[in-house]
Amino acid sequence: MLLKSLLSIGLFSVHTSASYIGNLPENAQTLFNESMTWMDSFNDREFGALYELSASSALRHGTRASAWYALGLLARDEGPDVEDALNMIVNVINGQFKDPKDNW
């Protein structure tokens, strides 16, 4: 909901541009593409986060991995990547502890 609000007021805009990845050296492009393909399989688009990557926490979502994946989505910029990345970023921000008394 927050993402739709931000998009509707123009705070964020989803646009198509040339992929950043195309400017990387060939080996870096290959590593990036293989990594993103692997992470794509853990993506829970409906929830807006990656499933936790460790086997010990099945079907939970990981904040750190989701933040890194969101950065990769922004760099790849294909199809719904930017919108998915913004959704993940909003979810990561919303999941932060907000009580300044707590030292996390």
PDB file of N, CA and C in Angstrom:
ATOM      1  N   MET A   1       0.812  -1.186   0.000  1.00  0.00           N
ATOM      2  CA  MET A   1       0.000   0.000   0.000  1.00  0.00           C
ATOM      3  C   MET A   1       0.865   1.263   0.000  1.00  0.00           C
ATOM      4  N   LEU A   2       1.897   1.271   0.830  1.00  0.00           N
ATOM      5  CA  LEU A   2       2.766   2.435   0.880  1.00  0.00           C
ATOM      6  C   LEU A   2       3.442   2.664  -0.464  1.00  0.00           C
ATOM      7  N   LEU A   3       3.876   1.572  -1.107  1.00  0.00           N
ATOM      8  CA  LEU A   3       4.517   1.702  -2.411  1.00  0.00           C
ATOM      9  C   LEU A   3       3.576   2.325  -3.416  1.00  0.00           C
ATOM     10  N   LYS A   4       2.325   1.877  -3.466  1.00  0.00           N
ATOM     11  CA  LYS A   4       1.356   2.447  -4.398  1.00  0.00           C
ATOM     12  C   LYS A   4       1.134   3.924  -4.110  1.00  0.00           C
ATOM     13  N   SER A   5       1.113   4.291  -2.842  1.00  0.00           N
ATOM     14  CA  SER A   5       0.958   5.697  -2.477  1.00  0.00           C
ATOM     15  C   SER A   5       2.155   6.517  -2.955  1.00  0.00           C
ATOM     16  N   LEU A   6       3.357   5.987  -2.738  1.00  0.00           N
ATOM     17  CA  LEU A   6       4.562   6.709  -3.163  1.00  0.00           C
ATOM     18  C   LEU A   6       4.611   6.849  -4.675  1.00  0.00           C
ATOM     19  N   LEU A   7       4.209   5.788  -5.398  1.00  0.00           N
ATOM     20  CA  LEU A   7       4.186   5.858  -6.849  1.00  0.00           C
ATOM     21  C   LEU A   7       3.138   6.850  -7.328  1.00  0.00           C
ATOM     22  N   SER A   8       1.973   6.871  -6.670  1.00  0.00           N
ATOM     23  CA  SER A   8       0.879   7.726  -7.128  1.00  0.00           C
ATOM     24  C   SER A   8       1.169   9.211  -6.924  1.00  0.00           C
ATOM     25  N   ILE A   9       1.938   9.545  -5.881  1.00  0.00           N
ATOM     26  CA  ILE A   9       2.248  10.962  -5.663  1.00  0.00           C
ATOM     27  C   ILE A   9       3.531  11.373  -6.379  1.00  0.00           C
ATOM     28  N   GLY A  10       4.158  10.415  -7.062  1.00  0.00           N
ATOM     29  CA  GLY A  10       5.334  10.744  -7.855  1.00  0.00           C
ATOM     30  C   GLY A  10       6.628  10.797  -7.066  1.00  0.00           C
ATOM     31  N   LEU A  11       6.613  10.320  -5.803  1.00  0.00           N
ATOM     32  CA  LEU A  11       7.837  10.330  -5.023  1.00  0.00           C
ATOM     33  C   LEU A  11       8.855   9.375  -5.634  1.00  0.00           C
ATOM     34  N   PHE A  12       8.375   8.252  -6.112  1.00  0.00           N
ATOM     35  CA  PHE A  12       9.191   7.306  -6.865  1.00  0.00           C
ATOM     36  C   PHE A  12       8.562   7.164  -8.230  1.00  0.00           C
ATOM     37  N   SER A  13       9.360   6.949  -9.230  1.00  0.00           N
ATOM     38  CA  SER A  13       8.816   6.689 -10.548  1.00  0.00           C
ATOM     39  C   SER A  13       9.441   5.417 -11.093  1.00  0.00           C
ATOM     40  N   VAL A  14       8.620   4.618 -11.729  1.00  0.00           N
ATOM     41  CA  VAL A  14       9.099   3.390 -12.341  1.00  0.00           C
ATOM     42  C   VAL A  14       9.263   3.678 -13.813  1.00  0.00           C
ATOM     43  N   HIS A  15      10.476   3.532 -14.314  1.00  0.00           N
ATOM     44  CA  HIS A  15      10.738   3.829 -15.713  1.00  0.00           C
ATOM     45  C   HIS A  15      11.696   2.792 -16.266  1.00  0.00           C
ATOM     46  N   THR A  16      11.742   2.704 -17.548  1.00  0.00           N
ATOM     47  CA  THR A  16      12.652   1.784 -18.194  1.00  0.00           C
ATOM     48  C   THR A  16      13.842   2.570 -18.709  1.00  0.00           C
ATOM     49  N   SER A  17      15.015   2.079 -18.412  1.00  0.00           N
ATOM     50  CA  SER A  17      16.235   2.706 -18.905  1.00  0.00           C
ATOM     51  C   SER A  17      17.219   1.601 -19.260  1.00  0.00           C
ATOM     52  N   ALA A  18      18.328   1.974 -19.840  1.00  0.00           N
ATOM     53  CA  ALA A  18      19.343   0.991 -20.180  1.00  0.00           C
ATOM     54  C   ALA A  18      19.853   0.338 -18.900  1.00  0.00           C
ATOM     55  N   SER A  19      20.033  -0.965 -18.943  1.00  0.00           N
ATOM     56  CA  SER A  19      20.482  -1.703 -17.775  1.00  0.00           C
ATOM     57  C   SER A  19      21.917  -1.326 -17.416  1.00  0.00           C
ATOM     58  N   TYR A  20      22.154  -1.141 -16.167  1.00  0.00           N
ATOM     59  CA  TYR A  20      23.501  -0.868 -15.648  1.00  0.00           C
ATOM     60  C   TYR A  20      24.418  -2.054 -15.928  1.00  0.00           C
ATOM     61  N   ILE A  21      23.852  -3.237 -15.914  1.00  0.00           N
ATOM     62  CA  ILE A  21      24.640  -4.460 -16.048  1.00  0.00           C
ATOM     63  C   ILE A  21      25.347  -4.542 -17.390  1.00  0.00           C
ATOM     64  N   GLY A  22      24.745  -3.997 -18.432  1.00  0.00           N
ATOM     65  CA  GLY A  22      25.358  -4.025 -19.749  1.00  0.00           C
ATOM     66  C   GLY A  22      26.687  -3.301 -19.820  1.00  0.00           C
ATOM     67  N   ASN A  23      26.983  -2.454 -18.830  1.00  0.00           N
ATOM     68  CA  ASN A  23      28.245  -1.703 -18.792  1.00  0.00           C
ATOM     69  C   ASN A  23      29.357  -2.422 -18.032  1.00  0.00           C
ATOM     70  N   LEU A  24      29.039  -3.568 -17.429  1.00  0.00           N
ATOM     71  CA  LEU A  24      30.038  -4.299 -16.653  1.00  0.00           C
ATOM     72  C   LEU A  24      30.902  -5.175 -17.557  1.00  0.00           C
ATOM     73  N   PRO A  25      32.108  -5.530 -17.113  1.00  0.00           N
ATOM     74  CA  PRO A  25      32.913  -6.494 -17.864  1.00  0.00           C
ATOM     75  C   PRO A  25      32.155  -7.823 -17.991  1.00  0.00           C
ATOM     76  N   GLU A  26      32.502  -8.592 -19.004  1.00  0.00           N
ATOM     77  CA  GLU A  26      31.766  -9.819 -19.319  1.00  0.00           C
ATOM     78  C   GLU A  26      31.698 -10.786 -18.127  1.00  0.00           C
ATOM     79  N   ASN A  27      32.817 -10.992 -17.436  1.00  0.00           N
ATOM     80  CA  ASN A  27      32.811 -11.912 -16.292  1.00  0.00           C
ATOM     81  C   ASN A  27      31.907 -11.408 -15.169  1.00  0.00           C
ATOM     82  N   ALA A  28      31.896 -10.117 -14.935  1.00  0.00           N
ATOM     83  CA  ALA A  28      31.038  -9.542 -13.905  1.00  0.00           C
ATOM     84  C   ALA A  28      29.569  -9.683 -14.296  1.00  0.00           C
ATOM     85  N   GLN A  29      29.264  -9.502 -15.570  1.00  0.00           N
ATOM     86  CA  GLN A  29      27.891  -9.684 -16.049  1.00  0.00           C
ATOM     87  C   GLN A  29      27.434 -11.121 -15.822  1.00  0.00           C
ATOM     88  N   THR A  30      28.305 -12.071 -16.138  1.00  0.00           N
ATOM     89  CA  THR A  30      27.962 -13.480 -15.957  1.00  0.00           C
ATOM     90  C   THR A  30      27.702 -13.794 -14.494  1.00  0.00           C
ATOM     91  N   LEU A  31      28.579 -13.330 -13.610  1.00  0.00           N
ATOM     92  CA  LEU A  31      28.402 -13.564 -12.176  1.00  0.00           C
ATOM     93  C   LEU A  31      27.105 -12.919 -11.685  1.00  0.00           C
ATOM     94  N   PHE A  32      26.860 -11.688 -12.105  1.00  0.00           N
ATOM     95  CA  PHE A  32      25.635 -10.992 -11.704  1.00  0.00           C
ATOM     96  C   PHE A  32      24.402 -11.764 -12.179  1.00  0.00           C
ATOM     97  N   ASN A  33      24.377 -12.132 -13.448  1.00  0.00           N
ATOM     98  CA  ASN A  33      23.207 -12.814 -14.006  1.00  0.00           C
ATOM     99  C   ASN A  33      22.961 -14.166 -13.344  1.00  0.00           C
ATOM    100  N   GLU A  34      24.027 -14.922 -13.085  1.00  0.00           N
ATOM    101  CA  GLU A  34      23.861 -16.208 -12.403  1.00  0.00           C
ATOM    102  C   GLU A  34      23.364 -16.009 -10.974  1.00  0.00           C
ATOM    103  N   SER A  35      23.891 -15.009 -10.289  1.00  0.00           N
ATOM    104  CA  SER A  35      23.461 -14.721  -8.920  1.00  0.00           C
ATOM    105  C   SER A  35      22.002 -14.300  -8.870  1.00  0.00           C
ATOM    106  N   MET A  36      21.605 -13.434  -9.795  1.00  0.00           N
ATOM    107  CA  MET A  36      20.213 -12.972  -9.810  1.00  0.00           C
ATOM    108  C   MET A  36      19.255 -14.117 -10.158  1.00  0.00           C
ATOM    109  N   THR A  37      19.649 -14.976 -11.096  1.00  0.00           N
ATOM    110  CA  THR A  37      18.810 -16.125 -11.442  1.00  0.00           C
ATOM    111  C   THR A  37      18.620 -17.016 -10.225  1.00  0.00           C
ATOM    112  N   TRP A  38      19.694 -17.223  -9.462  1.00  0.00           N
ATOM    113  CA  TRP A  38      19.602 -18.032  -8.248  1.00  0.00           C
ATOM    114  C   TRP A  38      18.674 -17.368  -7.225  1.00  0.00           C
ATOM    115  N   MET A  39      18.844 -16.059  -7.008  1.00  0.00           N
ATOM    116  CA  MET A  39      18.003 -15.357  -6.033  1.00  0.00           C
ATOM    117  C   MET A  39      16.568 -15.238  -6.513  1.00  0.00           C
ATOM    118  N   ASP A  40      16.349 -15.151  -7.826  1.00  0.00           N
ATOM    119  CA  ASP A  40      14.980 -15.096  -8.351  1.00  0.00           C
ATOM    120  C   ASP A  40      14.155 -16.275  -7.846  1.00  0.00           C
ATOM    121  N   SER A  41      14.790 -17.427  -7.655  1.00  0.00           N
ATOM    122  CA  SER A  41      14.056 -18.619  -7.209  1.00  0.00           C
ATOM    123  C   SER A  41      13.615 -18.513  -5.754  1.00  0.00           C
ATOM    124  N   PHE A  42      14.196 -17.600  -4.980  1.00  0.00           N
ATOM    125  CA  PHE A  42      13.810 -17.396  -3.586  1.00  0.00           C
ATOM    126  C   PHE A  42      12.863 -16.204  -3.411  1.00  0.00           C
ATOM    127  N   ASN A  43      12.542 -15.530  -4.486  1.00  0.00           N
ATOM    128  CA  ASN A  43      11.745 -14.307  -4.416  1.00  0.00           C
ATOM    129  C   ASN A  43      10.278 -14.630  -4.144  1.00  0.00           C
ATOM    130  N   ASP A  44       9.736 -14.024  -3.113  1.00  0.00           N
ATOM    131  CA  ASP A  44       8.297 -14.095  -2.821  1.00  0.00           C
ATOM    132  C   ASP A  44       7.709 -12.756  -3.238  1.00  0.00           C
ATOM    133  N   ARG A  45       7.351 -12.657  -4.511  1.00  0.00           N
ATOM    134  CA  ARG A  45       6.874 -11.372  -5.060  1.00  0.00           C
ATOM    135  C   ARG A  45       5.618 -10.894  -4.355  1.00  0.00           C
ATOM    136  N   GLU A  46       4.746 -11.803  -3.980  1.00  0.00           N
ATOM    137  CA  GLU A  46       3.492 -11.408  -3.327  1.00  0.00           C
ATOM    138  C   GLU A  46       3.761 -10.735  -1.987  1.00  0.00           C
ATOM    139  N   PHE A  47       4.731 -11.253  -1.240  1.00  0.00           N
ATOM    140  CA  PHE A  47       5.077 -10.680   0.059  1.00  0.00           C
ATOM    141  C   PHE A  47       6.025  -9.497  -0.089  1.00  0.00           C
ATOM    142  N   GLY A  48       6.897  -9.543  -1.094  1.00  0.00           N
ATOM    143  CA  GLY A  48       7.860  -8.468  -1.303  1.00  0.00           C
ATOM    144  C   GLY A  48       9.150  -8.672  -0.549  1.00  0.00           C
ATOM    145  N   ALA A  49       9.641  -9.915  -0.544  1.00  0.00           N
ATOM    146  CA  ALA A  49      10.904 -10.219   0.127  1.00  0.00           C
ATOM    147  C   ALA A  49      11.410 -11.564  -0.374  1.00  0.00           C
ATOM    148  N   LEU A  50      12.687 -11.825  -0.094  1.00  0.00           N
ATOM    149  CA  LEU A  50      13.248 -13.138  -0.399  1.00  0.00           C
ATOM    150  C   LEU A  50      12.966 -14.075   0.759  1.00  0.00           C
ATOM    151  N   TYR A  51      12.699 -15.342   0.416  1.00  0.00           N
ATOM    152  CA  TYR A  51      12.660 -16.339   1.473  1.00  0.00           C
ATOM    153  C   TYR A  51      14.047 -16.451   2.064  1.00  0.00           C
ATOM    154  N   GLU A  52      14.116 -16.753   3.341  1.00  0.00           N
ATOM    155  CA  GLU A  52      15.391 -16.941   4.021  1.00  0.00           C
ATOM    156  C   GLU A  52      16.192 -17.998   3.281  1.00  0.00           C
ATOM    157  N   LEU A  53      17.468 -17.760   3.093  1.00  0.00           N
ATOM    158  CA  LEU A  53      18.292 -18.632   2.268  1.00  0.00           C
ATOM    159  C   LEU A  53      18.800 -19.867   2.996  1.00  0.00           C
ATOM    160  N   SER A  54      18.719 -19.897   4.319  1.00  0.00           N
ATOM    161  CA  SER A  54      19.219 -21.057   5.054  1.00  0.00           C
ATOM    162  C   SER A  54      18.112 -22.092   5.218  1.00  0.00           C
ATOM    163  N   ALA A  55      18.496 -23.336   5.232  1.00  0.00           N
ATOM    164  CA  ALA A  55      17.516 -24.417   5.359  1.00  0.00           C
ATOM    165  C   ALA A  55      16.893 -24.457   6.746  1.00  0.00           C
ATOM    166  N   SER A  56      17.554 -23.898   7.740  1.00  0.00           N
ATOM    167  CA  SER A  56      17.047 -23.959   9.110  1.00  0.00           C
ATOM    168  C   SER A  56      15.884 -23.009   9.361  1.00  0.00           C
ATOM    169  N   SER A  57      15.583 -22.138   8.425  1.00  0.00           N
ATOM    170  CA  SER A  57      14.490 -21.171   8.637  1.00  0.00           C
ATOM    171  C   SER A  57      13.546 -21.178   7.441  1.00  0.00           C
ATOM    172  N   ALA A  58      13.031 -22.339   7.136  1.00  0.00           N
ATOM    173  CA  ALA A  58      12.194 -22.519   5.956  1.00  0.00           C
ATOM    174  C   ALA A  58      10.971 -21.603   5.976  1.00  0.00           C
ATOM    175  N   LEU A  59      10.708 -21.015   4.840  1.00  0.00           N
ATOM    176  CA  LEU A  59       9.533 -20.175   4.569  1.00  0.00           C
ATOM    177  C   LEU A  59       9.457 -18.911   5.407  1.00  0.00           C
ATOM    178  N   ARG A  60      10.576 -18.475   5.978  1.00  0.00           N
ATOM    179  CA  ARG A  60      10.632 -17.151   6.591  1.00  0.00           C
ATOM    180  C   ARG A  60      11.310 -16.229   5.597  1.00  0.00           C
ATOM    181  N   HIS A  61      11.145 -14.948   5.785  1.00  0.00           N
ATOM    182  CA  HIS A  61      11.722 -13.968   4.869  1.00  0.00           C
ATOM    183  C   HIS A  61      12.953 -13.334   5.500  1.00  0.00           C
ATOM    184  N   GLY A  62      13.960 -13.086   4.669  1.00  0.00           N
ATOM    185  CA  GLY A  62      15.203 -12.510   5.153  1.00  0.00           C
ATOM    186  C   GLY A  62      15.339 -11.052   4.773  1.00  0.00           C
ATOM    187  N   THR A  63      15.583 -10.215   5.750  1.00  0.00           N
ATOM    188  CA  THR A  63      15.709  -8.775   5.523  1.00  0.00           C
ATOM    189  C   THR A  63      16.992  -8.430   4.782  1.00  0.00           C
ATOM    190  N   ARG A  64      18.120  -8.938   5.253  1.00  0.00           N
ATOM    191  CA  ARG A  64      19.406  -8.579   4.655  1.00  0.00           C
ATOM    192  C   ARG A  64      19.479  -9.042   3.199  1.00  0.00           C
ATOM    193  N   ALA A  65      19.088 -10.286   2.950  1.00  0.00           N
ATOM    194  CA  ALA A  65      19.131 -10.811   1.581  1.00  0.00           C
ATOM    195  C   ALA A  65      18.165 -10.046   0.683  1.00  0.00           C
ATOM    196  N   SER A  66      17.020  -9.658   1.224  1.00  0.00           N
ATOM    197  CA  SER A  66      16.041  -8.900   0.437  1.00  0.00           C
ATOM    198  C   SER A  66      16.585  -7.537   0.050  1.00  0.00           C
ATOM    199  N   ALA A  67      17.307  -6.886   0.960  1.00  0.00           N
ATOM    200  CA  ALA A  67      17.890  -5.579   0.654  1.00  0.00           C
ATOM    201  C   ALA A  67      18.942  -5.700  -0.449  1.00  0.00           C
ATOM    202  N   TRP A  68      19.786  -6.730  -0.371  1.00  0.00           N
ATOM    203  CA  TRP A  68      20.793  -6.943  -1.416  1.00  0.00           C
ATOM    204  C   TRP A  68      20.136  -7.271  -2.743  1.00  0.00           C
ATOM    205  N   TYR A  69      19.115  -8.115  -2.704  1.00  0.00           N
ATOM    206  CA  TYR A  69      18.408  -8.500  -3.929  1.00  0.00           C
ATOM    207  C   TYR A  69      17.733  -7.280  -4.554  1.00  0.00           C
ATOM    208  N   ALA A  70      17.159  -6.411  -3.721  1.00  0.00           N
ATOM    209  CA  ALA A  70      16.518  -5.190  -4.236  1.00  0.00           C
ATOM    210  C   ALA A  70      17.530  -4.344  -5.005  1.00  0.00           C
ATOM    211  N   LEU A  71      18.741  -4.254  -4.506  1.00  0.00           N
ATOM    212  CA  LEU A  71      19.796  -3.519  -5.215  1.00  0.00           C
ATOM    213  C   LEU A  71      20.075  -4.165  -6.570  1.00  0.00           C
ATOM    214  N   GLY A  72      20.126  -5.493  -6.600  1.00  0.00           N
ATOM    215  CA  GLY A  72      20.318  -6.208  -7.856  1.00  0.00           C
ATOM    216  C   GLY A  72      19.176  -5.981  -8.831  1.00  0.00           C
ATOM    217  N   LEU A  73      17.949  -5.942  -8.305  1.00  0.00           N
ATOM    218  CA  LEU A  73      16.789  -5.675  -9.163  1.00  0.00           C
ATOM    219  C   LEU A  73      16.879  -4.289  -9.792  1.00  0.00           C
ATOM    220  N   LEU A  74      17.299  -3.317  -9.001  1.00  0.00           N
ATOM    221  CA  LEU A  74      17.448  -1.960  -9.547  1.00  0.00           C
ATOM    222  C   LEU A  74      18.518  -1.923 -10.625  1.00  0.00           C
ATOM    223  N   ALA A  75      19.602  -2.659 -10.419  1.00  0.00           N
ATOM    224  CA  ALA A  75      20.675  -2.689 -11.416  1.00  0.00           C
ATOM    225  C   ALA A  75      20.222  -3.401 -12.682  1.00  0.00           C
ATOM    226  N   ARG A  76      19.461  -4.484 -12.541  1.00  0.00           N
ATOM    227  CA  ARG A  76      19.019  -5.253 -13.707  1.00  0.00           C
ATOM    228  C   ARG A  76      17.956  -4.490 -14.495  1.00  0.00           C
ATOM    229  N   ASP A  77      16.983  -3.919 -13.805  1.00  0.00           N
ATOM    230  CA  ASP A  77      15.956  -3.042 -14.406  1.00  0.00           C
ATOM    231  C   ASP A  77      15.274  -3.659 -15.628  1.00  0.00           C
ATOM    232  N   GLU A  78      14.712  -4.854 -15.446  1.00  0.00           N
ATOM    233  CA  GLU A  78      13.950  -5.513 -16.505  1.00  0.00           C
ATOM    234  C   GLU A  78      12.541  -5.802 -16.004  1.00  0.00           C
ATOM    235  N   GLY A  79      11.556  -5.584 -16.852  1.00  0.00           N
ATOM    236  CA  GLY A  79      10.171  -5.890 -16.480  1.00  0.00           C
ATOM    237  C   GLY A  79       9.775  -5.202 -15.191  1.00  0.00           C
ATOM    238  N   PRO A  80       9.278  -5.981 -14.214  1.00  0.00           N
ATOM    239  CA  PRO A  80       8.806  -5.377 -12.951  1.00  0.00           C
ATOM    240  C   PRO A  80       9.900  -5.206 -11.903  1.00  0.00           C
ATOM    241  N   ASP A  81      11.178  -5.292 -12.306  1.00  0.00           N
ATOM    242  CA  ASP A  81      12.271  -5.264 -11.329  1.00  0.00           C
ATOM    243  C   ASP A  81      12.249  -4.039 -10.427  1.00  0.00           C
ATOM    244  N   VAL A  82      12.072  -2.862 -10.996  1.00  0.00           N
ATOM    245  CA  VAL A  82      12.140  -1.636 -10.187  1.00  0.00           C
ATOM    246  C   VAL A  82      10.974  -1.587  -9.195  1.00  0.00           C
ATOM    247  N   GLU A  83       9.790  -1.911  -9.650  1.00  0.00           N
ATOM    248  CA  GLU A  83       8.630  -1.913  -8.746  1.00  0.00           C
ATOM    249  C   GLU A  83       8.817  -2.950  -7.637  1.00  0.00           C
ATOM    250  N   ASP A  84       9.325  -4.139  -7.990  1.00  0.00           N
ATOM    251  CA  ASP A  84       9.586  -5.166  -6.976  1.00  0.00           C
ATOM    252  C   ASP A  84      10.633  -4.697  -5.984  1.00  0.00           C
ATOM    253  N   ALA A  85      11.685  -4.037  -6.474  1.00  0.00           N
ATOM    254  CA  ALA A  85      12.744  -3.529  -5.592  1.00  0.00           C
ATOM    255  C   ALA A  85      12.192  -2.483  -4.626  1.00  0.00           C
ATOM    256  N   LEU A  86      11.388  -1.571  -5.138  1.00  0.00           N
ATOM    257  CA  LEU A  86      10.814  -0.545  -4.256  1.00  0.00           C
ATOM    258  C   LEU A  86       9.916  -1.175  -3.201  1.00  0.00           C
ATOM    259  N   ASN A  87       9.163  -2.197  -3.583  1.00  0.00           N
ATOM    260  CA  ASN A  87       8.311  -2.905  -2.635  1.00  0.00           C
ATOM    261  C   ASN A  87       9.164  -3.550  -1.544  1.00  0.00           C
ATOM    262  N   MET A  88      10.263  -4.162  -1.933  1.00  0.00           N
ATOM    263  CA  MET A  88      11.155  -4.782  -0.948  1.00  0.00           C
ATOM    264  C   MET A  88      11.780  -3.741  -0.033  1.00  0.00           C
ATOM    265  N   ILE A  89      12.209  -2.634  -0.589  1.00  0.00           N
ATOM    266  CA  ILE A  89      12.826  -1.573   0.216  1.00  0.00           C
ATOM    267  C   ILE A  89      11.829  -1.037   1.238  1.00  0.00           C
ATOM    268  N   VAL A  90      10.601  -0.815   0.812  1.00  0.00           N
ATOM    269  CA  VAL A  90       9.558  -0.351   1.736  1.00  0.00           C
ATOM    270  C   VAL A  90       9.323  -1.384   2.835  1.00  0.00           C
ATOM    271  N   ASN A  91       9.291  -2.679   2.477  1.00  0.00           N
ATOM    272  CA  ASN A  91       9.099  -3.723   3.477  1.00  0.00           C
ATOM    273  C   ASN A  91      10.252  -3.780   4.472  1.00  0.00           C
ATOM    274  N   VAL A  92      11.477  -3.605   3.980  1.00  0.00           N
ATOM    275  CA  VAL A  92      12.632  -3.599   4.874  1.00  0.00           C
ATOM    276  C   VAL A  92      12.537  -2.418   5.833  1.00  0.00           C
ATOM    277  N   ILE A  93      12.186  -1.259   5.320  1.00  0.00           N
ATOM    278  CA  ILE A  93      12.054  -0.073   6.175  1.00  0.00           C
ATOM    279  C   ILE A  93      10.937  -0.261   7.191  1.00  0.00           C
ATOM    280  N   ASN A  94       9.801  -0.794   6.750  1.00  0.00           N
ATOM    281  CA  ASN A  94       8.676  -1.016   7.666  1.00  0.00           C
ATOM    282  C   ASN A  94       8.989  -2.053   8.738  1.00  0.00           C
ATOM    283  N   GLY A  95       9.953  -2.936   8.474  1.00  0.00           N
ATOM    284  CA  GLY A  95      10.311  -3.960   9.442  1.00  0.00           C
ATOM    285  C   GLY A  95      11.326  -3.512  10.479  1.00  0.00           C
ATOM    286  N   GLN A  96      11.781  -2.272  10.377  1.00  0.00           N
ATOM    287  CA  GLN A  96      12.773  -1.767  11.317  1.00  0.00           C
ATOM    288  C   GLN A  96      12.142  -1.516  12.686  1.00  0.00           C
ATOM    289  N   PHE A  97      12.941  -1.740  13.736  1.00  0.00           N
ATOM    290  CA  PHE A  97      12.506  -1.380  15.075  1.00  0.00           C
ATOM    291  C   PHE A  97      12.435   0.142  15.150  1.00  0.00           C
ATOM    292  N   LYS A  98      11.360   0.660  15.714  1.00  0.00           N
ATOM    293  CA  LYS A  98      11.148   2.105  15.675  1.00  0.00           C
ATOM    294  C   LYS A  98      11.220   2.773  17.056  1.00  0.00           C
ATOM    295  N   ASP A  99      11.472   2.017  18.089  1.00  0.00           N
ATOM    296  CA  ASP A  99      11.546   2.582  19.433  1.00  0.00           C
ATOM    297  C   ASP A  99      12.986   3.037  19.702  1.00  0.00           C
ATOM    298  N   PRO A 100      13.221   4.350  19.770  1.00  0.00           N
ATOM    299  CA  PRO A 100      14.594   4.848  19.954  1.00  0.00           C
ATOM    300  C   PRO A 100      15.227   4.379  21.262  1.00  0.00           C
ATOM    301  N   LYS A 101      14.444   3.949  22.244  1.00  0.00           N
ATOM    302  CA  LYS A 101      14.993   3.452  23.506  1.00  0.00           C
ATOM    303  C   LYS A 101      15.681   2.110  23.335  1.00  0.00           C
ATOM    304  N   ASP A 102      15.246   1.336  22.327  1.00  0.00           N
ATOM    305  CA  ASP A 102      15.838   0.025  22.104  1.00  0.00           C
ATOM    306  C   ASP A 102      17.109   0.169  21.300  1.00  0.00           C
ATOM    307  N   ASN A 103      18.169  -0.418  21.812  1.00  0.00           N
ATOM    308  CA  ASN A 103      19.463  -0.349  21.144  1.00  0.00           C
ATOM    309  C   ASN A 103      19.644  -1.593  20.287  1.00  0.00           C
ATOM    310  N   TRP A 104      19.159  -1.549  19.074  1.00  0.00           N
ATOM    311  CA  TRP A 104      19.292  -2.677  18.164  1.00  0.00           C
ATOM    312  C   TRP A 104      20.359  -2.363  17.181  1.00  0.00           C
TER     313      TRP A 104
END
